């Protein structure tokens, strides 16, 4: 479906939650080193629950290695607080790469400045600096799903609500 890319993630619970989201959407999760925790960390597994074993996970040694394999193009979106282009104004396609930076420093500003047309943001009120990484990934990725919902293979739960 999509490629969710976490550049140098620091908080295992965020990554576990995002991994769970990726499994439920059929998305691939790309983690770019350095990572601020061990991928086998209990906190990652706890947040990802039993979904983690079903995750399509790719780990990259560096941001440079990732960019060499996947150069930034029209199928790349970079989430940042340093743009005015709203995420729901972006056009997402299946297979796109959606990049999110480290919880502490975001995506390298040099990369953002080289590709301002690929930058997207989530609107926020004036009292805060940013949203939790897991929340941000969910917001943007579900907009991408909304735009590409046709043909999405959704889960079926046997105990659905029934009206009498």
N, C-alpha and C. Protein backbone atom coordinates (compact mmCIF):
# COMPACT_ATOMS: atom_id res chain seq x y z
N UNK A 1 0.83 -1.19 0.00
CA UNK A 1 0.00 0.00 0.00
C UNK A 1 0.87 1.26 0.00
N UNK A 2 1.56 1.54 1.12
CA UNK A 2 2.44 2.69 1.24
C UNK A 2 3.73 2.27 1.92
N UNK A 3 4.72 3.15 1.86
CA UNK A 3 6.00 2.94 2.55
C UNK A 3 6.13 4.04 3.60
N UNK A 4 6.09 3.64 4.86
CA UNK A 4 6.24 4.58 5.96
C UNK A 4 7.71 4.54 6.37
N UNK A 5 8.35 5.70 6.37
CA UNK A 5 9.78 5.79 6.64
C UNK A 5 10.01 6.62 7.90
N UNK A 6 10.63 6.00 8.90
CA UNK A 6 10.99 6.71 10.13
C UNK A 6 12.49 6.96 10.11
N UNK A 7 12.86 8.22 10.05
CA UNK A 7 14.27 8.60 10.02
C UNK A 7 14.77 8.77 11.45
N UNK A 8 15.64 7.87 11.87
CA UNK A 8 16.27 7.91 13.19
C UNK A 8 15.27 7.99 14.34
N UNK A 9 14.32 7.05 14.41
CA UNK A 9 13.35 7.08 15.50
C UNK A 9 14.02 6.86 16.85
N UNK A 10 13.47 7.49 17.89
CA UNK A 10 14.09 7.45 19.22
C UNK A 10 13.26 6.72 20.27
N UNK A 11 11.94 6.66 20.10
CA UNK A 11 11.05 6.16 21.14
C UNK A 11 10.43 4.82 20.71
N UNK A 12 10.75 3.74 21.41
CA UNK A 12 10.29 2.41 20.99
C UNK A 12 8.77 2.27 20.93
N UNK A 13 8.06 2.91 21.85
CA UNK A 13 6.60 2.79 21.84
C UNK A 13 5.99 3.40 20.58
N UNK A 14 6.55 4.52 20.11
CA UNK A 14 6.07 5.12 18.87
C UNK A 14 6.27 4.16 17.70
N UNK A 15 7.46 3.60 17.62
CA UNK A 15 7.77 2.69 16.51
C UNK A 15 6.89 1.44 16.57
N UNK A 16 6.65 0.92 17.76
CA UNK A 16 5.76 -0.24 17.90
C UNK A 16 4.35 0.07 17.44
N UNK A 17 3.85 1.22 17.83
CA UNK A 17 2.51 1.65 17.42
C UNK A 17 2.43 1.82 15.91
N UNK A 18 3.45 2.43 15.33
CA UNK A 18 3.48 2.65 13.89
C UNK A 18 3.61 1.32 13.15
N UNK A 19 4.38 0.38 13.70
CA UNK A 19 4.45 -0.96 13.10
C UNK A 19 3.10 -1.63 13.07
N UNK A 20 2.36 -1.51 14.14
CA UNK A 20 1.01 -2.09 14.21
C UNK A 20 0.12 -1.45 13.14
N UNK A 21 0.20 -0.12 13.00
CA UNK A 21 -0.57 0.58 11.98
C UNK A 21 -0.20 0.07 10.59
N UNK A 22 1.10 -0.12 10.34
CA UNK A 22 1.56 -0.60 9.03
C UNK A 22 1.00 -1.98 8.72
N UNK A 23 0.98 -2.87 9.69
CA UNK A 23 0.43 -4.21 9.46
C UNK A 23 -1.04 -4.10 9.07
N UNK A 24 -1.78 -3.25 9.78
CA UNK A 24 -3.21 -3.11 9.52
C UNK A 24 -3.52 -2.44 8.18
N UNK A 25 -2.56 -1.72 7.63
CA UNK A 25 -2.76 -1.06 6.33
C UNK A 25 -2.07 -1.79 5.18
N UNK A 26 -1.28 -2.81 5.49
CA UNK A 26 -0.52 -3.46 4.43
C UNK A 26 0.62 -2.58 3.95
N UNK A 27 1.14 -1.73 4.83
CA UNK A 27 2.24 -0.83 4.49
C UNK A 27 3.57 -1.43 4.94
N UNK A 28 4.63 -1.00 4.29
CA UNK A 28 5.98 -1.39 4.68
C UNK A 28 6.55 -0.32 5.60
N UNK A 29 7.20 -0.74 6.67
CA UNK A 29 7.86 0.20 7.58
C UNK A 29 9.35 0.17 7.33
N UNK A 30 9.92 1.34 7.05
CA UNK A 30 11.36 1.50 6.86
C UNK A 30 11.91 2.25 8.07
N UNK A 31 12.90 1.68 8.73
CA UNK A 31 13.57 2.34 9.84
C UNK A 31 14.98 2.69 9.41
N UNK A 32 15.35 3.94 9.64
CA UNK A 32 16.67 4.41 9.23
C UNK A 32 17.53 4.63 10.47
N UNK A 33 18.68 3.97 10.49
CA UNK A 33 19.61 4.10 11.62
C UNK A 33 20.31 5.45 11.58
N UNK A 34 20.75 5.93 12.74
CA UNK A 34 20.73 5.25 14.02
C UNK A 34 19.33 5.27 14.64
N UNK A 35 19.00 4.18 15.29
CA UNK A 35 17.73 4.01 15.98
C UNK A 35 18.03 4.13 17.47
N UNK A 36 17.19 4.82 18.21
CA UNK A 36 17.44 5.10 19.61
C UNK A 36 17.10 3.97 20.57
N UNK A 37 16.93 2.75 20.06
CA UNK A 37 16.56 1.61 20.89
C UNK A 37 16.85 0.35 20.10
N UNK A 38 16.80 -0.78 20.77
CA UNK A 38 16.97 -2.08 20.12
C UNK A 38 15.62 -2.48 19.52
N UNK A 39 15.60 -2.89 18.28
CA UNK A 39 14.35 -3.26 17.62
C UNK A 39 13.65 -4.40 18.36
N UNK A 40 14.40 -5.21 19.07
CA UNK A 40 13.81 -6.29 19.85
C UNK A 40 13.36 -5.83 21.23
N UNK A 41 13.44 -4.54 21.50
CA UNK A 41 13.06 -3.97 22.79
C UNK A 41 11.64 -4.39 23.15
N UNK A 42 11.42 -4.73 24.42
CA UNK A 42 10.10 -5.14 24.89
C UNK A 42 9.05 -4.06 24.67
N UNK A 43 9.44 -2.79 24.78
CA UNK A 43 8.50 -1.69 24.59
C UNK A 43 7.98 -1.65 23.16
N UNK A 44 8.84 -1.96 22.19
CA UNK A 44 8.42 -2.00 20.79
C UNK A 44 7.40 -3.11 20.62
N UNK A 45 7.72 -4.28 21.12
CA UNK A 45 6.84 -5.44 20.98
C UNK A 45 5.52 -5.21 21.72
N UNK A 46 5.58 -4.59 22.90
CA UNK A 46 4.36 -4.34 23.68
C UNK A 46 3.44 -3.40 22.91
N UNK A 47 3.98 -2.32 22.36
CA UNK A 47 3.17 -1.36 21.62
C UNK A 47 2.66 -1.97 20.31
N UNK A 48 3.46 -2.83 19.70
CA UNK A 48 3.07 -3.46 18.45
C UNK A 48 2.23 -4.71 18.63
N UNK A 49 2.09 -5.14 19.90
CA UNK A 49 1.35 -6.35 20.26
C UNK A 49 1.83 -7.53 19.42
N UNK A 50 0.93 -8.42 19.08
CA UNK A 50 1.32 -9.60 18.31
C UNK A 50 1.39 -9.31 16.81
N UNK A 51 1.24 -8.04 16.44
CA UNK A 51 1.32 -7.65 15.04
C UNK A 51 2.76 -7.63 14.53
N UNK A 52 3.71 -7.39 15.41
CA UNK A 52 5.10 -7.15 15.01
C UNK A 52 5.64 -8.26 14.13
N UNK A 53 5.27 -9.51 14.39
CA UNK A 53 5.78 -10.63 13.59
C UNK A 53 5.24 -10.63 12.17
N UNK A 54 4.18 -9.87 11.91
CA UNK A 54 3.58 -9.79 10.57
C UNK A 54 4.04 -8.55 9.80
N UNK A 55 4.87 -7.75 10.42
CA UNK A 55 5.31 -6.48 9.84
C UNK A 55 6.30 -6.68 8.71
N UNK A 56 6.08 -5.98 7.60
CA UNK A 56 7.05 -5.93 6.52
C UNK A 56 8.01 -4.79 6.87
N UNK A 57 9.18 -5.17 7.39
CA UNK A 57 10.13 -4.21 7.95
C UNK A 57 11.43 -4.19 7.14
N UNK A 58 11.91 -2.98 6.84
CA UNK A 58 13.19 -2.79 6.18
C UNK A 58 14.01 -1.84 7.05
N UNK A 59 15.22 -2.22 7.39
CA UNK A 59 16.10 -1.38 8.19
C UNK A 59 17.25 -0.90 7.32
N UNK A 60 17.50 0.41 7.33
CA UNK A 60 18.54 1.04 6.53
C UNK A 60 19.67 1.49 7.43
N UNK A 61 20.90 1.37 6.97
CA UNK A 61 22.07 1.75 7.75
C UNK A 61 22.21 3.26 7.92
N UNK A 62 21.66 4.02 6.97
CA UNK A 62 21.77 5.49 7.05
C UNK A 62 20.72 6.12 6.15
N UNK A 63 20.48 7.42 6.38
CA UNK A 63 19.55 8.16 5.53
C UNK A 63 20.11 8.25 4.12
N UNK A 64 21.43 8.39 4.01
CA UNK A 64 22.07 8.46 2.69
C UNK A 64 21.85 7.17 1.91
N UNK A 65 21.96 6.02 2.58
CA UNK A 65 21.74 4.73 1.90
C UNK A 65 20.29 4.62 1.43
N UNK A 66 19.35 5.07 2.27
CA UNK A 66 17.94 5.05 1.87
C UNK A 66 17.72 5.94 0.64
N UNK A 67 18.25 7.18 0.68
CA UNK A 67 18.05 8.12 -0.42
C UNK A 67 18.72 7.65 -1.71
N UNK A 68 19.82 6.94 -1.58
CA UNK A 68 20.47 6.40 -2.77
C UNK A 68 19.57 5.36 -3.44
N UNK A 69 18.91 4.53 -2.64
CA UNK A 69 18.02 3.50 -3.19
C UNK A 69 16.66 4.07 -3.60
N UNK A 70 16.22 5.14 -2.92
CA UNK A 70 14.90 5.73 -3.17
C UNK A 70 15.04 7.25 -3.24
N UNK A 71 15.56 7.77 -4.34
CA UNK A 71 15.71 9.23 -4.47
C UNK A 71 14.36 9.94 -4.31
N UNK A 72 14.40 11.12 -3.77
CA UNK A 72 13.17 11.89 -3.57
C UNK A 72 12.61 12.30 -4.93
N UNK A 73 11.34 11.95 -5.15
CA UNK A 73 10.66 12.28 -6.40
C UNK A 73 9.20 12.59 -6.09
N UNK A 74 8.34 12.58 -7.11
CA UNK A 74 6.93 12.94 -6.92
C UNK A 74 6.17 11.92 -6.06
N UNK A 75 6.78 10.79 -5.76
CA UNK A 75 6.16 9.77 -4.90
C UNK A 75 6.71 9.80 -3.48
N UNK A 76 7.34 10.91 -3.12
CA UNK A 76 7.92 11.08 -1.79
C UNK A 76 7.24 12.26 -1.09
N UNK A 77 6.86 12.05 0.15
CA UNK A 77 6.26 13.10 0.98
C UNK A 77 7.04 13.15 2.28
N UNK A 78 7.40 14.36 2.71
CA UNK A 78 8.19 14.51 3.94
C UNK A 78 7.40 15.36 4.93
N UNK A 79 7.04 14.75 6.05
CA UNK A 79 6.29 15.46 7.08
C UNK A 79 7.22 16.35 7.89
N UNK A 80 6.80 17.60 8.05
CA UNK A 80 7.62 18.58 8.77
C UNK A 80 6.72 19.70 9.29
N UNK A 81 7.18 20.37 10.33
CA UNK A 81 6.47 21.56 10.80
C UNK A 81 6.97 22.80 10.07
N UNK A 82 7.90 22.65 9.13
CA UNK A 82 8.57 23.78 8.48
C UNK A 82 8.04 24.08 7.09
N UNK A 83 6.74 23.86 6.87
CA UNK A 83 6.11 24.17 5.59
C UNK A 83 4.68 24.62 5.85
N UNK A 84 4.08 25.21 4.85
CA UNK A 84 2.67 25.60 4.94
C UNK A 84 1.77 24.67 4.12
N UNK A 85 2.36 23.74 3.38
CA UNK A 85 1.55 22.83 2.55
C UNK A 85 0.92 21.76 3.45
N UNK A 86 -0.40 21.78 3.52
CA UNK A 86 -1.13 20.86 4.38
C UNK A 86 -1.16 19.44 3.79
N UNK A 87 -1.08 18.47 4.66
CA UNK A 87 -1.02 17.07 4.21
C UNK A 87 -2.22 16.68 3.37
N UNK A 88 -3.39 17.25 3.63
CA UNK A 88 -4.58 16.89 2.85
C UNK A 88 -4.64 17.59 1.51
N UNK A 89 -3.67 18.45 1.22
CA UNK A 89 -3.53 19.06 -0.10
C UNK A 89 -2.60 18.24 -1.00
N UNK A 90 -1.91 17.27 -0.41
CA UNK A 90 -0.99 16.43 -1.16
C UNK A 90 -1.78 15.34 -1.90
N UNK A 91 -1.22 14.89 -2.99
CA UNK A 91 -1.82 13.80 -3.76
C UNK A 91 -0.99 12.54 -3.49
N UNK A 92 -1.60 11.56 -2.82
CA UNK A 92 -0.93 10.32 -2.47
C UNK A 92 -1.33 9.22 -3.45
N UNK A 93 -0.36 8.36 -3.76
CA UNK A 93 -0.62 7.20 -4.61
C UNK A 93 -0.08 5.96 -3.92
N UNK A 94 -0.67 4.81 -4.25
CA UNK A 94 -0.18 3.56 -3.69
C UNK A 94 1.31 3.42 -4.00
N UNK A 95 2.08 2.97 -3.03
CA UNK A 95 3.51 2.80 -3.21
C UNK A 95 4.34 4.01 -2.82
N UNK A 96 3.68 5.14 -2.52
CA UNK A 96 4.41 6.35 -2.13
C UNK A 96 5.23 6.12 -0.86
N UNK A 97 6.27 6.93 -0.71
CA UNK A 97 7.11 6.93 0.48
C UNK A 97 6.73 8.16 1.30
N UNK A 98 6.35 7.94 2.55
CA UNK A 98 5.96 9.02 3.45
C UNK A 98 6.98 9.03 4.59
N UNK A 99 7.79 10.09 4.64
CA UNK A 99 8.90 10.17 5.59
C UNK A 99 8.54 11.02 6.80
N UNK A 100 8.98 10.53 7.95
CA UNK A 100 8.80 11.22 9.23
C UNK A 100 10.16 11.24 9.92
N UNK A 101 10.52 12.38 10.47
CA UNK A 101 11.81 12.51 11.13
C UNK A 101 11.79 12.06 12.57
N UNK A 102 12.95 12.07 13.15
CA UNK A 102 13.15 11.74 14.55
C UNK A 102 12.27 12.61 15.44
N UNK A 103 11.83 12.02 16.55
CA UNK A 103 11.01 12.76 17.51
C UNK A 103 11.71 14.01 18.02
N UNK A 104 13.02 14.00 18.08
CA UNK A 104 13.74 15.13 18.66
C UNK A 104 14.21 16.17 17.64
N UNK A 105 14.41 15.78 16.38
CA UNK A 105 14.97 16.76 15.44
C UNK A 105 14.33 16.78 14.05
N UNK A 106 13.40 15.90 13.77
CA UNK A 106 12.76 15.90 12.46
C UNK A 106 13.69 15.42 11.35
N UNK A 107 13.30 15.71 10.12
CA UNK A 107 14.09 15.35 8.94
C UNK A 107 15.16 16.42 8.73
N UNK A 108 16.32 16.01 8.30
CA UNK A 108 17.43 16.92 8.03
C UNK A 108 16.94 18.11 7.20
N UNK A 109 17.14 19.32 7.74
CA UNK A 109 16.64 20.52 7.09
C UNK A 109 17.24 20.73 5.70
N UNK A 110 18.46 20.28 5.48
CA UNK A 110 19.06 20.41 4.14
C UNK A 110 18.24 19.65 3.11
N UNK A 111 17.76 18.47 3.48
CA UNK A 111 16.95 17.66 2.57
C UNK A 111 15.61 18.35 2.32
N UNK A 112 15.02 18.90 3.37
CA UNK A 112 13.75 19.61 3.21
C UNK A 112 13.91 20.81 2.28
N UNK A 113 14.99 21.58 2.46
CA UNK A 113 15.23 22.77 1.63
C UNK A 113 15.49 22.42 0.17
N UNK A 114 16.07 21.25 -0.08
CA UNK A 114 16.32 20.82 -1.45
C UNK A 114 15.04 20.38 -2.16
N UNK A 115 14.00 20.02 -1.37
CA UNK A 115 12.77 19.48 -1.94
C UNK A 115 11.53 20.07 -1.26
N UNK A 116 11.36 21.40 -1.29
CA UNK A 116 10.23 22.00 -0.58
C UNK A 116 8.87 21.54 -1.12
N UNK A 117 8.81 21.17 -2.39
CA UNK A 117 7.55 20.73 -2.98
C UNK A 117 7.09 19.38 -2.42
N UNK A 118 7.97 18.65 -1.76
CA UNK A 118 7.65 17.35 -1.19
C UNK A 118 7.29 17.44 0.29
N UNK A 119 7.34 18.62 0.86
CA UNK A 119 7.09 18.80 2.29
C UNK A 119 5.60 18.98 2.55
N UNK A 120 5.12 18.34 3.62
CA UNK A 120 3.74 18.45 4.04
C UNK A 120 3.71 18.66 5.56
N UNK A 121 2.62 19.24 6.04
CA UNK A 121 2.48 19.47 7.48
C UNK A 121 1.06 19.19 7.94
N UNK A 122 0.92 18.99 9.23
CA UNK A 122 -0.38 18.81 9.87
C UNK A 122 -0.69 20.12 10.59
N UNK A 123 -1.86 20.71 10.36
CA UNK A 123 -2.16 21.97 11.04
C UNK A 123 -2.29 21.76 12.56
N UNK A 124 -1.75 22.71 13.30
CA UNK A 124 -1.81 22.66 14.77
C UNK A 124 -2.07 24.06 15.31
N UNK A 125 -2.62 24.10 16.50
CA UNK A 125 -2.84 25.38 17.17
C UNK A 125 -1.52 25.98 17.62
N UNK A 126 -1.55 27.22 18.02
CA UNK A 126 -0.33 27.95 18.38
C UNK A 126 0.32 27.54 19.68
N UNK A 127 -0.37 26.75 20.52
CA UNK A 127 0.18 26.41 21.83
C UNK A 127 1.18 25.25 21.80
N UNK A 128 1.20 24.48 20.74
CA UNK A 128 2.08 23.32 20.70
C UNK A 128 3.16 23.44 19.64
N UNK A 129 4.21 22.60 19.79
CA UNK A 129 5.30 22.57 18.81
C UNK A 129 5.10 21.48 17.77
N UNK A 130 4.58 20.34 18.22
CA UNK A 130 4.44 19.19 17.32
C UNK A 130 3.49 18.19 17.94
N UNK A 131 3.15 17.17 17.17
CA UNK A 131 2.32 16.07 17.63
C UNK A 131 3.20 14.85 17.89
N UNK A 132 2.68 13.91 18.64
CA UNK A 132 3.36 12.63 18.83
C UNK A 132 3.58 11.97 17.47
N UNK A 133 4.72 11.33 17.30
CA UNK A 133 5.07 10.71 16.02
C UNK A 133 4.02 9.68 15.59
N UNK A 134 3.58 8.83 16.50
CA UNK A 134 2.58 7.83 16.16
C UNK A 134 1.28 8.46 15.68
N UNK A 135 0.86 9.53 16.34
CA UNK A 135 -0.34 10.26 15.94
C UNK A 135 -0.15 10.86 14.55
N UNK A 136 1.00 11.49 14.32
CA UNK A 136 1.28 12.12 13.03
C UNK A 136 1.25 11.11 11.90
N UNK A 137 1.89 9.97 12.10
CA UNK A 137 1.90 8.93 11.06
C UNK A 137 0.48 8.47 10.78
N UNK A 138 -0.32 8.28 11.83
CA UNK A 138 -1.70 7.86 11.64
C UNK A 138 -2.52 8.86 10.85
N UNK A 139 -2.40 10.13 11.19
CA UNK A 139 -3.16 11.18 10.50
C UNK A 139 -2.83 11.19 9.01
N UNK A 140 -1.56 11.27 8.69
CA UNK A 140 -1.15 11.40 7.29
C UNK A 140 -1.42 10.12 6.50
N UNK A 141 -1.13 8.98 7.10
CA UNK A 141 -1.29 7.72 6.38
C UNK A 141 -2.76 7.41 6.10
N UNK A 142 -3.63 7.75 7.02
CA UNK A 142 -5.05 7.50 6.76
C UNK A 142 -5.63 8.47 5.73
N UNK A 143 -5.05 9.64 5.58
CA UNK A 143 -5.44 10.50 4.46
C UNK A 143 -4.98 9.86 3.15
N UNK A 144 -3.77 9.32 3.15
CA UNK A 144 -3.28 8.62 1.95
C UNK A 144 -4.20 7.44 1.62
N UNK A 145 -4.64 6.71 2.64
CA UNK A 145 -5.58 5.59 2.42
C UNK A 145 -6.90 6.11 1.88
N UNK A 146 -7.42 7.19 2.46
CA UNK A 146 -8.69 7.75 1.99
C UNK A 146 -8.63 8.05 0.49
N UNK A 147 -7.50 8.58 0.05
CA UNK A 147 -7.35 8.91 -1.37
C UNK A 147 -7.19 7.66 -2.24
N UNK A 148 -6.86 6.53 -1.65
CA UNK A 148 -6.58 5.30 -2.41
C UNK A 148 -7.38 4.12 -1.89
N UNK A 149 -8.56 4.39 -1.37
CA UNK A 149 -9.34 3.35 -0.69
C UNK A 149 -9.87 2.28 -1.64
N UNK A 150 -10.09 2.65 -2.89
CA UNK A 150 -10.59 1.69 -3.89
C UNK A 150 -9.67 0.48 -3.94
N UNK A 151 -10.21 -0.69 -3.69
CA UNK A 151 -9.43 -1.92 -3.75
C UNK A 151 -8.71 -2.26 -2.46
N UNK A 152 -8.86 -1.43 -1.41
CA UNK A 152 -8.22 -1.72 -0.13
C UNK A 152 -8.87 -2.96 0.47
N UNK A 153 -8.04 -3.93 0.82
CA UNK A 153 -8.56 -5.17 1.40
C UNK A 153 -8.69 -5.00 2.91
N UNK A 154 -9.90 -4.68 3.33
CA UNK A 154 -10.09 -4.42 4.75
C UNK A 154 -10.38 -5.71 5.51
N UNK A 155 -10.11 -5.67 6.79
CA UNK A 155 -10.34 -6.84 7.62
C UNK A 155 -11.84 -7.04 7.82
N UNK A 156 -12.21 -8.25 8.09
CA UNK A 156 -13.59 -8.54 8.46
C UNK A 156 -13.57 -9.15 9.85
N UNK A 157 -14.39 -8.60 10.70
CA UNK A 157 -14.46 -9.05 12.08
C UNK A 157 -15.76 -9.83 12.25
N UNK A 158 -15.66 -11.09 12.70
CA UNK A 158 -16.86 -11.93 12.76
C UNK A 158 -17.92 -11.43 13.74
N UNK A 159 -17.57 -10.65 14.74
CA UNK A 159 -18.55 -10.20 15.72
C UNK A 159 -18.98 -8.76 15.45
N UNK A 160 -19.48 -8.49 14.27
CA UNK A 160 -19.91 -7.13 13.91
C UNK A 160 -21.26 -6.83 14.54
N UNK A 161 -21.60 -5.55 14.64
CA UNK A 161 -22.86 -5.13 15.18
C UNK A 161 -24.00 -5.54 14.26
N UNK A 162 -25.09 -5.98 14.84
CA UNK A 162 -26.25 -6.36 14.05
C UNK A 162 -27.48 -5.70 14.65
N UNK A 163 -28.31 -5.18 13.80
CA UNK A 163 -29.57 -4.56 14.26
C UNK A 163 -30.65 -5.64 14.25
N UNK A 164 -31.51 -5.58 15.24
CA UNK A 164 -32.63 -6.56 15.30
C UNK A 164 -33.78 -6.15 14.45
